[in-house]
Amino acid sequence: MKILASLRVIPVGTSSTSISSYVAEAVRVLERRNVKHVVTPFSTDVELSSLLELAEVVEEVVARLRFLGVSRVLVDVTVDFRFDKEVSLERRVSSVGEKLGKS
């Protein structure tokens, strides 16, 4: 069973109001782990095999930001468990497009 999650990582205590370099570091963690993901303006959506994998990803992202000198990291996580059928990031987006008549 796959799970979909939305991750929002917020570094606190940096020297800049910009966070894009930290988001890029989080995305690098996902890429190294071969996690399917989609970066959006406010979060990064991921497709994972389990809650354990999600926890490992979050832990690695936080460790990376700590290594880069971030003194505090806030992480918002939203998880979608779908038990009646397999889910994917692409299918979720295409389902909305179908309902809008944009196949």
C-alpha atoms as a PDB file:
ATOM      1  CA  MET A   1       0.000   0.000   0.000  1.00  0.00           C
ATOM      2  CA  LYS A   2       1.344   3.405  -0.955  1.00  0.00           C
ATOM      3  CA  ILE A   3       0.689   6.516   1.069  1.00  0.00           C
ATOM      4  CA  LEU A   4       0.682  10.088  -0.122  1.00  0.00           C
ATOM      5  CA  ALA A   5       1.976  12.839   2.128  1.00  0.00           C
ATOM      6  CA  SER A   6       2.485  16.551   1.974  1.00  0.00           C
ATOM      7  CA  LEU A   7       5.569  17.888   3.738  1.00  0.00           C
ATOM      8  CA  ARG A   8       6.159  21.477   4.682  1.00  0.00           C
ATOM      9  CA  VAL A   9       9.576  22.144   6.206  1.00  0.00           C
ATOM     10  CA  ILE A  10      10.095  25.523   7.842  1.00  0.00           C
ATOM     11  CA  PRO A  11      13.616  26.429   8.997  1.00  0.00           C
ATOM     12  CA  VAL A  12      13.673  28.868  11.910  1.00  0.00           C
ATOM     13  CA  GLY A  13      16.684  30.809  13.104  1.00  0.00           C
ATOM     14  CA  THR A  14      18.421  31.362   9.795  1.00  0.00           C
ATOM     15  CA  SER A  15      20.123  34.540   8.656  1.00  0.00           C
ATOM     16  CA  SER A  16      17.669  35.097   5.782  1.00  0.00           C
ATOM     17  CA  THR A  17      13.951  35.341   5.147  1.00  0.00           C
ATOM     18  CA  SER A  18      14.405  33.169   2.049  1.00  0.00           C
ATOM     19  CA  ILE A  19      14.000  29.421   2.582  1.00  0.00           C
ATOM     20  CA  SER A  20      14.381  28.109  -0.977  1.00  0.00           C
ATOM     21  CA  SER A  21      17.942  26.868  -0.395  1.00  0.00           C
ATOM     22  CA  TYR A  22      16.687  24.789   2.543  1.00  0.00           C
ATOM     23  CA  VAL A  23      13.785  23.464   0.498  1.00  0.00           C
ATOM     24  CA  ALA A  24      16.323  22.475  -2.162  1.00  0.00           C
ATOM     25  CA  GLU A  25      18.290  20.547   0.474  1.00  0.00           C
ATOM     26  CA  ALA A  26      15.126  18.725   1.530  1.00  0.00           C
ATOM     27  CA  VAL A  27      14.424  17.847  -2.106  1.00  0.00           C
ATOM     28  CA  ARG A  28      17.981  16.541  -2.466  1.00  0.00           C
ATOM     29  CA  VAL A  29      17.261  14.148   0.397  1.00  0.00           C
ATOM     30  CA  LEU A  30      14.160  12.913  -1.453  1.00  0.00           C
ATOM     31  CA  GLU A  31      16.126  12.504  -4.679  1.00  0.00           C
ATOM     32  CA  ARG A  32      18.926  10.574  -2.940  1.00  0.00           C
ATOM     33  CA  ARG A  33      16.318   8.249  -1.459  1.00  0.00           C
ATOM     34  CA  ASN A  34      14.520   7.908  -4.835  1.00  0.00           C
ATOM     35  CA  VAL A  35      11.265   9.174  -3.355  1.00  0.00           C
ATOM     36  CA  LYS A  36       8.705  10.214  -5.939  1.00  0.00           C
ATOM     37  CA  HIS A  37       7.848  13.846  -5.199  1.00  0.00           C
ATOM     38  CA  VAL A  38       6.290  17.028  -6.549  1.00  0.00           C
ATOM     39  CA  VAL A  39       7.408  20.431  -5.315  1.00  0.00           C
ATOM     40  CA  THR A  40       4.576  22.959  -5.016  1.00  0.00           C
ATOM     41  CA  PRO A  41       4.708  26.610  -3.937  1.00  0.00           C
ATOM     42  CA  PHE A  42       3.810  25.780  -0.322  1.00  0.00           C
ATOM     43  CA  SER A  43       4.870  22.161   0.245  1.00  0.00           C
ATOM     44  CA  THR A  44       6.344  19.070  -1.319  1.00  0.00           C
ATOM     45  CA  ASP A  45       4.078  16.091  -1.978  1.00  0.00           C
ATOM     46  CA  VAL A  46       5.588  12.626  -1.742  1.00  0.00           C
ATOM     47  CA  GLU A  47       4.597   9.062  -2.521  1.00  0.00           C
ATOM     48  CA  LEU A  48       5.924   6.521  -0.022  1.00  0.00           C
ATOM     49  CA  SER A  49       5.561   2.879   0.885  1.00  0.00           C
ATOM     50  CA  SER A  50       4.927   3.269   4.626  1.00  0.00           C
ATOM     51  CA  LEU A  51       4.780   5.523   7.665  1.00  0.00           C
ATOM     52  CA  LEU A  52       8.193   4.198   8.608  1.00  0.00           C
ATOM     53  CA  GLU A  53       9.646   5.483   5.332  1.00  0.00           C
ATOM     54  CA  LEU A  54       7.944   8.842   5.942  1.00  0.00           C
ATOM     55  CA  ALA A  55       9.480   9.062   9.416  1.00  0.00           C
ATOM     56  CA  GLU A  56      12.913   8.200   8.023  1.00  0.00           C
ATOM     57  CA  VAL A  57      12.603  10.879   5.338  1.00  0.00           C
ATOM     58  CA  VAL A  58      11.537  13.548   7.839  1.00  0.00           C
ATOM     59  CA  GLU A  59      14.349  12.558  10.192  1.00  0.00           C
ATOM     60  CA  GLU A  60      16.929  12.781   7.407  1.00  0.00           C
ATOM     61  CA  VAL A  61      15.646  16.164   6.209  1.00  0.00           C
ATOM     62  CA  VAL A  62      15.768  17.574   9.739  1.00  0.00           C
ATOM     63  CA  ALA A  63      19.276  16.163  10.274  1.00  0.00           C
ATOM     64  CA  ARG A  64      20.448  17.751   7.022  1.00  0.00           C
ATOM     65  CA  LEU A  65      19.073  21.173   7.962  1.00  0.00           C
ATOM     66  CA  ARG A  66      20.596  20.894  11.426  1.00  0.00           C
ATOM     67  CA  PHE A  67      23.943  20.093   9.808  1.00  0.00           C
ATOM     68  CA  LEU A  68      23.564  23.279   7.753  1.00  0.00           C
ATOM     69  CA  GLY A  69      23.211  25.314  10.931  1.00  0.00           C
ATOM     70  CA  VAL A  70      19.447  25.695  11.226  1.00  0.00           C
ATOM     71  CA  SER A  71      18.679  26.062  14.923  1.00  0.00           C
ATOM     72  CA  ARG A  72      15.023  25.017  14.709  1.00  0.00           C
ATOM     73  CA  VAL A  73      12.930  23.170  12.126  1.00  0.00           C
ATOM     74  CA  LEU A  74       9.146  23.047  11.991  1.00  0.00           C
ATOM     75  CA  VAL A  75       7.641  20.217   9.940  1.00  0.00           C
ATOM     76  CA  ASP A  76       3.982  19.979   8.927  1.00  0.00           C
ATOM     77  CA  VAL A  77       2.917  16.581   7.600  1.00  0.00           C
ATOM     78  CA  THR A  78      -0.405  15.617   6.062  1.00  0.00           C
ATOM     79  CA  VAL A  79      -0.863  11.941   5.216  1.00  0.00           C
ATOM     80  CA  ASP A  80      -3.477  10.352   2.949  1.00  0.00           C
ATOM     81  CA  PHE A  81      -4.232   6.680   3.608  1.00  0.00           C
ATOM     82  CA  ARG A  82      -6.406   5.162   0.890  1.00  0.00           C
ATOM     83  CA  PHE A  83      -7.520   1.593   1.570  1.00  0.00           C
ATOM     84  CA  ASP A  84      -9.953   0.960  -1.282  1.00  0.00           C
ATOM     85  CA  LYS A  85      -7.467   1.369  -4.147  1.00  0.00           C
ATOM     86  CA  GLU A  86      -3.862   2.161  -4.985  1.00  0.00           C
ATOM     87  CA  VAL A  87      -2.951   5.831  -5.041  1.00  0.00           C
ATOM     88  CA  SER A  88      -0.315   7.885  -6.798  1.00  0.00           C
ATOM     89  CA  LEU A  89       0.565  11.541  -7.105  1.00  0.00           C
ATOM     90  CA  GLU A  90      -0.199  11.510 -10.831  1.00  0.00           C
ATOM     91  CA  ARG A  91      -3.573   9.816 -10.416  1.00  0.00           C
ATOM     92  CA  ARG A  92      -4.691  12.299  -7.805  1.00  0.00           C
ATOM     93  CA  VAL A  93      -3.986  15.235 -10.138  1.00  0.00           C
ATOM     94  CA  SER A  94      -5.441  13.549 -13.227  1.00  0.00           C
ATOM     95  CA  SER A  95      -8.660  12.727 -11.354  1.00  0.00           C
ATOM     96  CA  VAL A  96      -9.288  16.423 -10.756  1.00  0.00           C
ATOM     97  CA  GLY A  97      -8.448  17.181 -14.397  1.00  0.00           C
ATOM     98  CA  GLU A  98     -10.971  14.591 -15.578  1.00  0.00           C
ATOM     99  CA  LYS A  99     -13.685  16.172 -13.471  1.00  0.00           C
ATOM    100  CA  LEU A 100     -12.816  19.548 -15.002  1.00  0.00           C
ATOM    101  CA  GLY A 101     -13.048  18.027 -18.494  1.00  0.00           C
ATOM    102  CA  LYS A 102      -9.303  18.343 -19.085  1.00  0.00           C
ATOM    103  CA  SER A 103      -8.273  14.763 -19.825  1.00  0.00           C
END
